[in-house]
Amino acid sequence: MIDAKVEHLFTLGLVFEARVYAGMKHWFMRGLPSSSDNMKGDASDGGACAVSAKEGLAAAIEMFRWRGEEEEAEETSRSGVDLLFWSAIADNLGAVRALATDGNAYPGGRLKFHRPGKHLGR
């Protein structure tokens, strides 16, 4: 049902709203059994099922249907929300790690946050 809502919102061109539902799906479905429960690792497996930063970032790009750099820069400038934020609400630690370390942090580890309407590259 949530996947259908996400698809419908993307079809209507409501990208921000679709991304909210896509990113929060894990929260909406908390406590309910899922087909991926058998594939999830827990603390007892020593993190053997942990997703790498590269895999996490690829999953985030797919989940949020990230478009070309120019279009996303415009969307980020308008909304003030970038892929790092979407990855964080989706609980995608691999993508968060990749985005926070892959040239997206100032020396010393401070992230480059910005205000809505002000793109970082300008």
PDB file of N, CA and C in Angstrom:
ATOM      1  N   MET A   1       0.816  -1.180   0.000  1.00  0.00           N
ATOM      2  CA  MET A   1       0.000   0.000   0.000  1.00  0.00           C
ATOM      3  C   MET A   1       0.878   1.270   0.000  1.00  0.00           C
ATOM      4  N   ILE A   2       1.928   1.257   0.798  1.00  0.00           N
ATOM      5  CA  ILE A   2       2.816   2.424   0.839  1.00  0.00           C
ATOM      6  C   ILE A   2       3.559   2.565  -0.480  1.00  0.00           C
ATOM      7  N   ASP A   3       3.997   1.435  -1.038  1.00  0.00           N
ATOM      8  CA  ASP A   3       4.686   1.479  -2.338  1.00  0.00           C
ATOM      9  C   ASP A   3       3.776   2.059  -3.417  1.00  0.00           C
ATOM     10  N   ALA A   4       2.494   1.712  -3.384  1.00  0.00           N
ATOM     11  CA  ALA A   4       1.536   2.239  -4.353  1.00  0.00           C
ATOM     12  C   ALA A   4       1.372   3.750  -4.168  1.00  0.00           C
ATOM     13  N   LYS A   5       1.353   4.208  -2.928  1.00  0.00           N
ATOM     14  CA  LYS A   5       1.242   5.638  -2.636  1.00  0.00           C
ATOM     15  C   LYS A   5       2.479   6.379  -3.161  1.00  0.00           C
ATOM     16  N   VAL A   6       3.652   5.817  -2.926  1.00  0.00           N
ATOM     17  CA  VAL A   6       4.898   6.427  -3.407  1.00  0.00           C
ATOM     18  C   VAL A   6       4.871   6.527  -4.930  1.00  0.00           C
ATOM     19  N   GLU A   7       4.505   5.439  -5.580  1.00  0.00           N
ATOM     20  CA  GLU A   7       4.445   5.422  -7.049  1.00  0.00           C
ATOM     21  C   GLU A   7       3.456   6.467  -7.568  1.00  0.00           C
ATOM     22  N   HIS A   8       2.301   6.558  -6.933  1.00  0.00           N
ATOM     23  CA  HIS A   8       1.274   7.521  -7.337  1.00  0.00           C
ATOM     24  C   HIS A   8       1.799   8.953  -7.197  1.00  0.00           C
ATOM     25  N   LEU A   9       2.437   9.251  -6.092  1.00  0.00           N
ATOM     26  CA  LEU A   9       2.968  10.594  -5.872  1.00  0.00           C
ATOM     27  C   LEU A   9       4.060  10.934  -6.885  1.00  0.00           C
ATOM     28  N   PHE A  10       4.951   9.992  -7.194  1.00  0.00           N
ATOM     29  CA  PHE A  10       5.960  10.244  -8.221  1.00  0.00           C
ATOM     30  C   PHE A  10       5.296  10.479  -9.574  1.00  0.00           C
ATOM     31  N   THR A  11       4.253   9.716  -9.866  1.00  0.00           N
ATOM     32  CA  THR A  11       3.529   9.875 -11.130  1.00  0.00           C
ATOM     33  C   THR A  11       2.911  11.267 -11.242  1.00  0.00           C
ATOM     34  N   LEU A  12       2.424  11.800 -10.125  1.00  0.00           N
ATOM     35  CA  LEU A  12       1.830  13.135 -10.108  1.00  0.00           C
ATOM     36  C   LEU A  12       2.883  14.248 -10.106  1.00  0.00           C
ATOM     37  N   GLY A  13       4.151  13.863 -10.002  1.00  0.00           N
ATOM     38  CA  GLY A  13       5.223  14.854  -9.964  1.00  0.00           C
ATOM     39  C   GLY A  13       5.436  15.453  -8.586  1.00  0.00           C
ATOM     40  N   LEU A  14       4.879  14.847  -7.570  1.00  0.00           N
ATOM     41  CA  LEU A  14       5.034  15.315  -6.192  1.00  0.00           C
ATOM     42  C   LEU A  14       6.239  14.613  -5.564  1.00  0.00           C
ATOM     43  N   VAL A  15       7.409  15.021  -6.010  1.00  0.00           N
ATOM     44  CA  VAL A  15       8.657  14.360  -5.651  1.00  0.00           C
ATOM     45  C   VAL A  15       8.914  14.429  -4.150  1.00  0.00           C
ATOM     46  N   PHE A  16       8.773  15.601  -3.554  1.00  0.00           N
ATOM     47  CA  PHE A  16       9.041  15.753  -2.128  1.00  0.00           C
ATOM     48  C   PHE A  16       8.142  14.828  -1.311  1.00  0.00           C
ATOM     49  N   GLU A  17       6.859  14.845  -1.594  1.00  0.00           N
ATOM     50  CA  GLU A  17       5.902  14.030  -0.860  1.00  0.00           C
ATOM     51  C   GLU A  17       6.178  12.535  -1.051  1.00  0.00           C
ATOM     52  N   ALA A  18       6.522  12.145  -2.277  1.00  0.00           N
ATOM     53  CA  ALA A  18       6.837  10.744  -2.554  1.00  0.00           C
ATOM     54  C   ALA A  18       8.058  10.308  -1.760  1.00  0.00           C
ATOM     55  N   ARG A  19       9.043  11.181  -1.674  1.00  0.00           N
ATOM     56  CA  ARG A  19      10.259  10.847  -0.931  1.00  0.00           C
ATOM     57  C   ARG A  19       9.991  10.738   0.571  1.00  0.00           C
ATOM     58  N   VAL A  20       9.067  11.540   1.080  1.00  0.00           N
ATOM     59  CA  VAL A  20       8.707  11.426   2.500  1.00  0.00           C
ATOM     60  C   VAL A  20       8.147  10.035   2.779  1.00  0.00           C
ATOM     61  N   TYR A  21       7.197   9.602   1.967  1.00  0.00           N
ATOM     62  CA  TYR A  21       6.599   8.273   2.165  1.00  0.00           C
ATOM     63  C   TYR A  21       7.621   7.161   1.965  1.00  0.00           C
ATOM     64  N   ALA A  22       8.463   7.286   0.945  1.00  0.00           N
ATOM     65  CA  ALA A  22       9.474   6.256   0.685  1.00  0.00           C
ATOM     66  C   ALA A  22      10.457   6.156   1.849  1.00  0.00           C
ATOM     67  N   GLY A  23      10.900   7.293   2.345  1.00  0.00           N
ATOM     68  CA  GLY A  23      11.870   7.306   3.430  1.00  0.00           C
ATOM     69  C   GLY A  23      11.303   6.861   4.761  1.00  0.00           C
ATOM     70  N   MET A  24      10.029   7.100   4.975  1.00  0.00           N
ATOM     71  CA  MET A  24       9.409   6.762   6.253  1.00  0.00           C
ATOM     72  C   MET A  24       8.719   5.406   6.252  1.00  0.00           C
ATOM     73  N   LYS A  25       8.806   4.681   5.151  1.00  0.00           N
ATOM     74  CA  LYS A  25       8.137   3.376   5.071  1.00  0.00           C
ATOM     75  C   LYS A  25       8.541   2.470   6.230  1.00  0.00           C
ATOM     76  N   HIS A  26       9.819   2.440   6.565  1.00  0.00           N
ATOM     77  CA  HIS A  26      10.273   1.578   7.659  1.00  0.00           C
ATOM     78  C   HIS A  26       9.594   1.952   8.973  1.00  0.00           C
ATOM     79  N   TRP A  27       9.288   3.225   9.158  1.00  0.00           N
ATOM     80  CA  TRP A  27       8.631   3.677  10.384  1.00  0.00           C
ATOM     81  C   TRP A  27       7.151   3.299  10.365  1.00  0.00           C
ATOM     82  N   PHE A  28       6.512   3.510   9.228  1.00  0.00           N
ATOM     83  CA  PHE A  28       5.091   3.164   9.111  1.00  0.00           C
ATOM     84  C   PHE A  28       4.862   1.666   9.314  1.00  0.00           C
ATOM     85  N   MET A  29       5.835   0.866   8.897  1.00  0.00           N
ATOM     86  CA  MET A  29       5.692  -0.592   8.938  1.00  0.00           C
ATOM     87  C   MET A  29       6.288  -1.223  10.198  1.00  0.00           C
ATOM     88  N   ARG A  30       6.789  -0.412  11.118  1.00  0.00           N
ATOM     89  CA  ARG A  30       7.442  -0.953  12.314  1.00  0.00           C
ATOM     90  C   ARG A  30       6.509  -1.904  13.067  1.00  0.00           C
ATOM     91  N   GLY A  31       7.078  -3.007  13.497  1.00  0.00           N
ATOM     92  CA  GLY A  31       6.323  -3.995  14.254  1.00  0.00           C
ATOM     93  C   GLY A  31       5.564  -4.993  13.406  1.00  0.00           C
ATOM     94  N   LEU A  32       5.469  -4.745  12.122  1.00  0.00           N
ATOM     95  CA  LEU A  32       4.760  -5.660  11.232  1.00  0.00           C
ATOM     96  C   LEU A  32       5.759  -6.628  10.600  1.00  0.00           C
ATOM     97  N   PRO A  33       5.360  -7.865  10.392  1.00  0.00           N
ATOM     98  CA  PRO A  33       6.280  -8.810   9.737  1.00  0.00           C
ATOM     99  C   PRO A  33       6.491  -8.395   8.277  1.00  0.00           C
ATOM    100  N   SER A  34       7.693  -8.658   7.782  1.00  0.00           N
ATOM    101  CA  SER A  34       7.977  -8.356   6.380  1.00  0.00           C
ATOM    102  C   SER A  34       8.760  -9.494   5.769  1.00  0.00           C
ATOM    103  N   SER A  35       8.800  -9.514   4.453  1.00  0.00           N
ATOM    104  CA  SER A  35       9.521 -10.578   3.757  1.00  0.00           C
ATOM    105  C   SER A  35      11.029 -10.448   3.939  1.00  0.00           C
ATOM    106  N   SER A  36      11.511  -9.260   4.305  1.00  0.00           N
ATOM    107  CA  SER A  36      12.952  -9.072   4.470  1.00  0.00           C
ATOM    108  C   SER A  36      13.426  -9.415   5.880  1.00  0.00           C
ATOM    109  N   ASP A  37      12.513  -9.761   6.805  1.00  0.00           N
ATOM    110  CA  ASP A  37      12.917 -10.083   8.177  1.00  0.00           C
ATOM    111  C   ASP A  37      13.909 -11.230   8.231  1.00  0.00           C
ATOM    112  N   ASN A  38      13.764 -12.199   7.359  1.00  0.00           N
ATOM    113  CA  ASN A  38      14.663 -13.343   7.363  1.00  0.00           C
ATOM    114  C   ASN A  38      16.058 -12.998   6.866  1.00  0.00           C
ATOM    115  N   MET A  39      16.182 -11.885   6.162  1.00  0.00           N
ATOM    116  CA  MET A  39      17.473 -11.503   5.600  1.00  0.00           C
ATOM    117  C   MET A  39      18.190 -10.483   6.461  1.00  0.00           C
ATOM    118  N   LYS A  40      17.512  -9.905   7.448  1.00  0.00           N
ATOM    119  CA  LYS A  40      18.121  -8.880   8.285  1.00  0.00           C
ATOM    120  C   LYS A  40      19.028  -9.498   9.317  1.00  0.00           C
ATOM    121  N   GLY A  41      20.163  -8.839   9.549  1.00  0.00           N
ATOM    122  CA  GLY A  41      21.048  -9.272  10.622  1.00  0.00           C
ATOM    123  C   GLY A  41      20.641  -8.603  11.916  1.00  0.00           C
ATOM    124  N   ASP A  42      21.098  -9.131  13.012  1.00  0.00           N
ATOM    125  CA  ASP A  42      20.868  -8.473  14.287  1.00  0.00           C
ATOM    126  C   ASP A  42      22.205  -8.282  14.979  1.00  0.00           C
ATOM    127  N   ALA A  43      22.177  -7.750  16.169  1.00  0.00           N
ATOM    128  CA  ALA A  43      23.421  -7.451  16.875  1.00  0.00           C
ATOM    129  C   ALA A  43      24.238  -8.705  17.133  1.00  0.00           C
ATOM    130  N   SER A  44      23.583  -9.854  17.200  1.00  0.00           N
ATOM    131  CA  SER A  44      24.301 -11.082  17.514  1.00  0.00           C
ATOM    132  C   SER A  44      25.134 -11.613  16.352  1.00  0.00           C
ATOM    133  N   ASP A  45      24.901 -11.105  15.139  1.00  0.00           N
ATOM    134  CA  ASP A  45      25.658 -11.633  14.002  1.00  0.00           C
ATOM    135  C   ASP A  45      26.942 -10.849  13.747  1.00  0.00           C
ATOM    136  N   GLY A  46      27.247  -9.915  14.646  1.00  0.00           N
ATOM    137  CA  GLY A  46      28.488  -9.153  14.514  1.00  0.00           C
ATOM    138  C   GLY A  46      28.483  -8.189  13.347  1.00  0.00           C
ATOM    139  N   GLY A  47      27.304  -7.838  12.840  1.00  0.00           N
ATOM    140  CA  GLY A  47      27.212  -6.901  11.737  1.00  0.00           C
ATOM    141  C   GLY A  47      27.517  -7.523  10.394  1.00  0.00           C
ATOM    142  N   ALA A  48      27.430  -8.832  10.284  1.00  0.00           N
ATOM    143  CA  ALA A  48      27.763  -9.519   9.040  1.00  0.00           C
ATOM    144  C   ALA A  48      26.863  -9.086   7.889  1.00  0.00           C
ATOM    145  N   CYS A  49      25.665  -8.637   8.198  1.00  0.00           N
ATOM    146  CA  CYS A  49      24.718  -8.243   7.154  1.00  0.00           C
ATOM    147  C   CYS A  49      24.732  -6.736   6.911  1.00  0.00           C
ATOM    148  N   ALA A  50      25.709  -6.044   7.453  1.00  0.00           N
ATOM    149  CA  ALA A  50      25.766  -4.597   7.291  1.00  0.00           C
ATOM    150  C   ALA A  50      25.959  -4.241   5.823  1.00  0.00           C
ATOM    151  N   VAL A  51      25.299  -3.177   5.413  1.00  0.00           N
ATOM    152  CA  VAL A  51      25.383  -2.707   4.039  1.00  0.00           C
ATOM    153  C   VAL A  51      26.553  -1.748   3.928  1.00  0.00           C
ATOM    154  N   SER A  52      27.354  -1.892   2.882  1.00  0.00           N
ATOM    155  CA  SER A  52      28.486  -0.991   2.693  1.00  0.00           C
ATOM    156  C   SER A  52      27.979   0.396   2.318  1.00  0.00           C
ATOM    157  N   ALA A  53      28.839   1.381   2.472  1.00  0.00           N
ATOM    158  CA  ALA A  53      28.483   2.754   2.138  1.00  0.00           C
ATOM    159  C   ALA A  53      28.104   2.862   0.665  1.00  0.00           C
ATOM    160  N   LYS A  54      28.851   2.185  -0.196  1.00  0.00           N
ATOM    161  CA  LYS A  54      28.584   2.240  -1.635  1.00  0.00           C
ATOM    162  C   LYS A  54      27.225   1.629  -1.965  1.00  0.00           C
ATOM    163  N   GLU A  55      26.913   0.477  -1.370  1.00  0.00           N
ATOM    164  CA  GLU A  55      25.618  -0.168  -1.593  1.00  0.00           C
ATOM    165  C   GLU A  55      24.492   0.678  -1.024  1.00  0.00           C
ATOM    166  N   GLY A  56      24.725   1.267   0.150  1.00  0.00           N
ATOM    167  CA  GLY A  56      23.714   2.108   0.780  1.00  0.00           C
ATOM    168  C   GLY A  56      23.403   3.329  -0.063  1.00  0.00           C
ATOM    169  N   LEU A  57      24.426   3.944  -0.617  1.00  0.00           N
ATOM    170  CA  LEU A  57      24.235   5.120  -1.454  1.00  0.00           C
ATOM    171  C   LEU A  57      23.487   4.750  -2.728  1.00  0.00           C
ATOM    172  N   ALA A  58      23.838   3.629  -3.334  1.00  0.00           N
ATOM    173  CA  ALA A  58      23.127   3.180  -4.540  1.00  0.00           C
ATOM    174  C   ALA A  58      21.652   2.911  -4.224  1.00  0.00           C
ATOM    175  N   ALA A  59      21.391   2.318  -3.063  1.00  0.00           N
ATOM    176  CA  ALA A  59      20.006   2.044  -2.662  1.00  0.00           C
ATOM    177  C   ALA A  59      19.238   3.340  -2.439  1.00  0.00           C
ATOM    178  N   ALA A  60      19.882   4.346  -1.844  1.00  0.00           N
ATOM    179  CA  ALA A  60      19.227   5.634  -1.609  1.00  0.00           C
ATOM    180  C   ALA A  60      18.905   6.332  -2.928  1.00  0.00           C
ATOM    181  N   ILE A  61      19.853   6.306  -3.847  1.00  0.00           N
ATOM    182  CA  ILE A  61      19.638   6.932  -5.155  1.00  0.00           C
ATOM    183  C   ILE A  61      18.456   6.283  -5.864  1.00  0.00           C
ATOM    184  N   GLU A  62      18.360   4.967  -5.753  1.00  0.00           N
ATOM    185  CA  GLU A  62      17.240   4.254  -6.370  1.00  0.00           C
ATOM    186  C   GLU A  62      15.930   4.532  -5.632  1.00  0.00           C
ATOM    187  N   MET A  63      15.946   4.445  -4.305  1.00  0.00           N
ATOM    188  CA  MET A  63      14.729   4.631  -3.517  1.00  0.00           C
ATOM    189  C   MET A  63      14.102   6.001  -3.727  1.00  0.00           C
ATOM    190  N   PHE A  64      14.947   7.027  -3.753  1.00  0.00           N
ATOM    191  CA  PHE A  64      14.444   8.394  -3.859  1.00  0.00           C
ATOM    192  C   PHE A  64      14.431   8.912  -5.288  1.00  0.00           C
ATOM    193  N   ARG A  65      14.739   8.019  -6.236  1.00  0.00           N
ATOM    194  CA  ARG A  65      14.714   8.353  -7.662  1.00  0.00           C
ATOM    195  C   ARG A  65      15.480   9.640  -7.931  1.00  0.00           C
ATOM    196  N   TRP A  66      16.702   9.647  -7.432  1.00  0.00           N
ATOM    197  CA  TRP A  66      17.569  10.814  -7.564  1.00  0.00           C
ATOM    198  C   TRP A  66      17.834  11.068  -9.030  1.00  0.00           C
ATOM    199  N   ARG A  67      17.629  12.290  -9.464  1.00  0.00           N
ATOM    200  CA  ARG A  67      17.762  12.658 -10.874  1.00  0.00           C
ATOM    201  C   ARG A  67      19.110  13.304 -11.114  1.00  0.00           C
ATOM    202  N   GLY A  68      19.272  13.928 -12.222  1.00  0.00           N
ATOM    203  CA  GLY A  68      20.538  14.571 -12.562  1.00  0.00           C
ATOM    204  C   GLY A  68      20.940  15.634 -11.562  1.00  0.00           C
ATOM    205  N   GLU A  69      22.217  15.935 -11.530  1.00  0.00           N
ATOM    206  CA  GLU A  69      22.771  16.858 -10.546  1.00  0.00           C
ATOM    207  C   GLU A  69      22.107  18.236 -10.596  1.00  0.00           C
ATOM    208  N   GLU A  70      21.878  18.742 -11.798  1.00  0.00           N
ATOM    209  CA  GLU A  70      21.284  20.074 -11.940  1.00  0.00           C
ATOM    210  C   GLU A  70      19.856  20.112 -11.397  1.00  0.00           C
ATOM    211  N   GLU A  71      19.052  19.113 -11.751  1.00  0.00           N
ATOM    212  CA  GLU A  71      17.666  19.068 -11.282  1.00  0.00           C
ATOM    213  C   GLU A  71      17.605  18.892  -9.776  1.00  0.00           C
ATOM    214  N   GLU A  72      18.480  18.065  -9.229  1.00  0.00           N
ATOM    215  CA  GLU A  72      18.483  17.853  -7.784  1.00  0.00           C
ATOM    216  C   GLU A  72      19.025  19.067  -7.037  1.00  0.00           C
ATOM    217  N   ALA A  73      19.963  19.786  -7.626  1.00  0.00           N
ATOM    218  CA  ALA A  73      20.451  21.015  -7.004  1.00  0.00           C
ATOM    219  C   ALA A  73      19.309  22.015  -6.880  1.00  0.00           C
ATOM    220  N   GLU A  74      18.484  22.097  -7.908  1.00  0.00           N
ATOM    221  CA  GLU A  74      17.329  22.996  -7.885  1.00  0.00           C
ATOM    222  C   GLU A  74      16.322  22.560  -6.815  1.00  0.00           C
ATOM    223  N   GLU A  75      16.042  21.263  -6.751  1.00  0.00           N
ATOM    224  CA  GLU A  75      15.106  20.724  -5.756  1.00  0.00           C
ATOM    225  C   GLU A  75      15.643  20.941  -4.340  1.00  0.00           C
ATOM    226  N   THR A  76      16.921  20.700  -4.144  1.00  0.00           N
ATOM    227  CA  THR A  76      17.537  20.889  -2.832  1.00  0.00           C
ATOM    228  C   THR A  76      17.507  22.360  -2.433  1.00  0.00           C
ATOM    229  N   SER A  77      17.769  23.229  -3.383  1.00  0.00           N
ATOM    230  CA  SER A  77      17.727  24.660  -3.115  1.00  0.00           C
ATOM    231  C   SER A  77      16.316  25.100  -2.736  1.00  0.00           C
ATOM    232  N   ARG A  78      15.332  24.579  -3.426  1.00  0.00           N
ATOM    233  CA  ARG A  78      13.939  24.928  -3.166  1.00  0.00           C
ATOM    234  C   ARG A  78      13.462  24.401  -1.817  1.00  0.00           C
ATOM    235  N   SER A  79      13.780  23.140  -1.530  1.00  0.00           N
ATOM    236  CA  SER A  79      13.230  22.484  -0.338  1.00  0.00           C
ATOM    237  C   SER A  79      14.167  22.531   0.868  1.00  0.00           C
ATOM    238  N   GLY A  80      15.466  22.697   0.630  1.00  0.00           N
ATOM    239  CA  GLY A  80      16.439  22.657   1.714  1.00  0.00           C
ATOM    240  C   GLY A  80      16.763  21.250   2.171  1.00  0.00           C
ATOM    241  N   VAL A  81      16.343  20.270   1.394  1.00  0.00           N
ATOM    242  CA  VAL A  81      16.517  18.866   1.763  1.00  0.00           C
ATOM    243  C   VAL A  81      17.345  18.162   0.689  1.00  0.00           C
ATOM    244  N   ASP A  82      18.433  17.513   1.128  1.00  0.00           N
ATOM    245  CA  ASP A  82      19.299  16.830   0.178  1.00  0.00           C
ATOM    246  C   ASP A  82      19.294  15.323   0.433  1.00  0.00           C
ATOM    247  N   LEU A  83      20.103  14.608  -0.327  1.00  0.00           N
ATOM    248  CA  LEU A  83      20.131  13.144  -0.230  1.00  0.00           C
ATOM    249  C   LEU A  83      20.586  12.671   1.147  1.00  0.00           C
ATOM    250  N   LEU A  84      21.416  13.434   1.806  1.00  0.00           N
ATOM    251  CA  LEU A  84      21.843  13.075   3.160  1.00  0.00           C
ATOM    252  C   LEU A  84      20.635  13.034   4.105  1.00  0.00           C
ATOM    253  N   PHE A  85      19.771  14.027   4.031  1.00  0.00           N
ATOM    254  CA  PHE A  85      18.570  14.058   4.864  1.00  0.00           C
ATOM    255  C   PHE A  85      17.663  12.870   4.553  1.00  0.00           C
ATOM    256  N   TRP A  86      17.409  12.645   3.263  1.00  0.00           N
ATOM    257  CA  TRP A  86      16.519  11.535   2.877  1.00  0.00           C
ATOM    258  C   TRP A  86      17.095  10.209   3.348  1.00  0.00           C
ATOM    259  N   SER A  87      18.388  10.036   3.226  1.00  0.00           N
ATOM    260  CA  SER A  87      19.037   8.794   3.667  1.00  0.00           C
ATOM    261  C   SER A  87      18.919   8.620   5.175  1.00  0.00           C
ATOM    262  N   ALA A  88      19.034   9.718   5.898  1.00  0.00           N
ATOM    263  CA  ALA A  88      18.916   9.648   7.359  1.00  0.00           C
ATOM    264  C   ALA A  88      17.516   9.249   7.787  1.00  0.00           C
ATOM    265  N   ILE A  89      16.473   9.841   7.180  1.00  0.00           N
ATOM    266  CA  ILE A  89      15.124   9.461   7.611  1.00  0.00           C
ATOM    267  C   ILE A  89      14.774   8.049   7.179  1.00  0.00           C
ATOM    268  N   ALA A  90      15.439   7.559   6.125  1.00  0.00           N
ATOM    269  CA  ALA A  90      15.196   6.184   5.675  1.00  0.00           C
ATOM    270  C   ALA A  90      15.998   5.186   6.493  1.00  0.00           C
ATOM    271  N   ASP A  91      16.792   5.673   7.435  1.00  0.00           N
ATOM    272  CA  ASP A  91      17.617   4.816   8.289  1.00  0.00           C
ATOM    273  C   ASP A  91      18.644   4.036   7.457  1.00  0.00           C
ATOM    274  N   ASN A  92      19.181   4.695   6.422  1.00  0.00           N
ATOM    275  CA  ASN A  92      20.156   4.093   5.522  1.00  0.00           C
ATOM    276  C   ASN A  92      21.549   4.552   5.949  1.00  0.00           C
ATOM    277  N   LEU A  93      22.117   3.843   6.907  1.00  0.00           N
ATOM    278  CA  LEU A  93      23.406   4.216   7.480  1.00  0.00           C
ATOM    279  C   LEU A  93      24.526   4.193   6.443  1.00  0.00           C
ATOM    280  N   GLY A  94      24.481   3.243   5.512  1.00  0.00           N
ATOM    281  CA  GLY A  94      25.515   3.174   4.477  1.00  0.00           C
ATOM    282  C   GLY A  94      25.558   4.443   3.643  1.00  0.00           C
ATOM    283  N   ALA A  95      24.392   4.925   3.228  1.00  0.00           N
ATOM    284  CA  ALA A  95      24.340   6.150   2.424  1.00  0.00           C
ATOM    285  C   ALA A  95      24.754   7.358   3.249  1.00  0.00           C
ATOM    286  N   VAL A  96      24.319   7.411   4.502  1.00  0.00           N
ATOM    287  CA  VAL A  96      24.697   8.531   5.371  1.00  0.00           C
ATOM    288  C   VAL A  96      26.215   8.572   5.522  1.00  0.00           C
ATOM    289  N   ARG A  97      26.816   7.416   5.754  1.00  0.00           N
ATOM    290  CA  ARG A  97      28.281   7.375   5.875  1.00  0.00           C
ATOM    291  C   ARG A  97      28.955   7.831   4.597  1.00  0.00           C
ATOM    292  N   ALA A  98      28.467   7.367   3.459  1.00  0.00           N
ATOM    293  CA  ALA A  98      29.068   7.744   2.183  1.00  0.00           C
ATOM    294  C   ALA A  98      28.934   9.243   1.931  1.00  0.00           C
ATOM    295  N   LEU A  99      27.766   9.782   2.194  1.00  0.00           N
ATOM    296  CA  LEU A  99      27.539  11.205   1.941  1.00  0.00           C
ATOM    297  C   LEU A  99      28.268  12.093   2.938  1.00  0.00           C
ATOM    298  N   ALA A 100      28.448  11.618   4.154  1.00  0.00           N
ATOM    299  CA  ALA A 100      29.117  12.417   5.176  1.00  0.00           C
ATOM    300  C   ALA A 100      30.636  12.373   5.053  1.00  0.00           C
ATOM    301  N   THR A 101      31.158  11.409   4.327  1.00  0.00           N
ATOM    302  CA  THR A 101      32.615  11.283   4.229  1.00  0.00           C
ATOM    303  C   THR A 101      33.143  11.461   2.821  1.00  0.00           C
ATOM    304  N   ASP A 102      32.322  11.336   1.818  1.00  0.00           N
ATOM    305  CA  ASP A 102      32.765  11.338   0.431  1.00  0.00           C
ATOM    306  C   ASP A 102      32.876  12.750  -0.138  1.00  0.00           C
ATOM    307  N   GLY A 103      33.701  13.581   0.466  1.00  0.00           N
ATOM    308  CA  GLY A 103      33.881  14.932  -0.046  1.00  0.00           C
ATOM    309  C   GLY A 103      32.756  15.864   0.338  1.00  0.00           C
ATOM    310  N   ASN A 104      31.870  15.433   1.209  1.00  0.00           N
ATOM    311  CA  ASN A 104      30.753  16.272   1.611  1.00  0.00           C
ATOM    312  C   ASN A 104      30.928  16.852   2.993  1.00  0.00           C
ATOM    313  N   ALA A 105      32.103  16.762   3.537  1.00  0.00           N
ATOM    314  CA  ALA A 105      32.357  17.313   4.869  1.00  0.00           C
ATOM    315  C   ALA A 105      33.535  18.255   4.812  1.00  0.00           C
ATOM    316  N   TYR A 106      33.493  19.276   5.624  1.00  0.00           N
ATOM    317  CA  TYR A 106      34.624  20.173   5.756  1.00  0.00           C
ATOM    318  C   TYR A 106      35.736  19.463   6.518  1.00  0.00           C
ATOM    319  N   PRO A 107      36.956  19.947   6.409  1.00  0.00           N
ATOM    320  CA  PRO A 107      38.023  19.387   7.243  1.00  0.00           C
ATOM    321  C   PRO A 107      37.599  19.458   8.705  1.00  0.00           C
ATOM    322  N   GLY A 108      37.841  18.423   9.421  1.00  0.00           N
ATOM    323  CA  GLY A 108      37.408  18.364  10.805  1.00  0.00           C
ATOM    324  C   GLY A 108      36.083  17.646  10.952  1.00  0.00           C
ATOM    325  N   GLY A 109      35.467  17.287   9.832  1.00  0.00           N
ATOM    326  CA  GLY A 109      34.268  16.476   9.874  1.00  0.00           C
ATOM    327  C   GLY A 109      32.951  17.206   9.929  1.00  0.00           C
ATOM    328  N   ARG A 110      32.954  18.541   9.912  1.00  0.00           N
ATOM    329  CA  ARG A 110      31.690  19.273   9.935  1.00  0.00           C
ATOM    330  C   ARG A 110      30.995  19.162   8.596  1.00  0.00           C
ATOM    331  N   LEU A 111      29.728  18.808   8.599  1.00  0.00           N
ATOM    332  CA  LEU A 111      28.984  18.669   7.352  1.00  0.00           C
ATOM    333  C   LEU A 111      28.642  20.028   6.766  1.00  0.00           C
ATOM    334  N   LYS A 112      28.524  20.075   5.443  1.00  0.00           N
ATOM    335  CA  LYS A 112      28.169  21.298   4.747  1.00  0.00           C
ATOM    336  C   LYS A 112      26.648  21.422   4.688  1.00  0.00           C
ATOM    337  N   PHE A 113      26.039  21.938   5.722  1.00  0.00           N
ATOM    338  CA  PHE A 113      24.599  22.176   5.695  1.00  0.00           C
ATOM    339  C   PHE A 113      24.350  23.537   5.074  1.00  0.00           C
ATOM    340  N   HIS A 114      23.185  23.709   4.564  1.00  0.00           N
ATOM    341  CA  HIS A 114      22.853  24.979   3.934  1.00  0.00           C
ATOM    342  C   HIS A 114      21.399  25.329   4.214  1.00  0.00           C
ATOM    343  N   ARG A 115      21.077  26.554   3.928  1.00  0.00           N
ATOM    344  CA  ARG A 115      19.702  27.013   4.144  1.00  0.00           C
ATOM    345  C   ARG A 115      18.915  26.859   2.847  1.00  0.00           C
ATOM    346  N   PRO A 116      17.585  26.629   2.974  1.00  0.00           N
ATOM    347  CA  PRO A 116      16.760  26.558   1.766  1.00  0.00           C
ATOM    348  C   PRO A 116      16.936  27.825   0.924  1.00  0.00           C
ATOM    349  N   GLY A 117      16.999  27.631  -0.377  1.00  0.00           N
ATOM    350  CA  GLY A 117      17.145  28.752  -1.285  1.00  0.00           C
ATOM    351  C   GLY A 117      18.586  29.142  -1.559  1.00  0.00           C
ATOM    352  N   LYS A 118      19.516  28.526  -0.852  1.00  0.00           N
ATOM    353  CA  LYS A 118      20.937  28.837  -1.060  1.00  0.00           C
ATOM    354  C   LYS A 118      21.669  27.550  -1.391  1.00  0.00           C
ATOM    355  N   HIS A 119      21.975  27.363  -2.669  1.00  0.00           N
ATOM    356  CA  HIS A 119      22.680  26.164  -3.102  1.00  0.00           C
ATOM    357  C   HIS A 119      24.159  26.299  -2.760  1.00  0.00           C
ATOM    358  N   LEU A 120      24.755  25.183  -2.366  1.00  0.00           N
ATOM    359  CA  LEU A 120      26.153  25.189  -1.930  1.00  0.00           C
ATOM    360  C   LEU A 120      27.116  25.654  -3.007  1.00  0.00           C
ATOM    361  N   GLY A 121      26.817  25.361  -4.263  1.00  0.00           N
ATOM    362  CA  GLY A 121      27.744  25.662  -5.343  1.00  0.00           C
ATOM    363  C   GLY A 121      27.713  27.106  -5.788  1.00  0.00           C
ATOM    364  N   ARG A 122      26.850  27.908  -5.208  1.00  0.00           N
ATOM    365  CA  ARG A 122      26.723  29.304  -5.667  1.00  0.00           C
ATOM    366  C   ARG A 122      27.390  30.266  -4.741  1.00  0.00           C
TER     367      ARG A 122
END
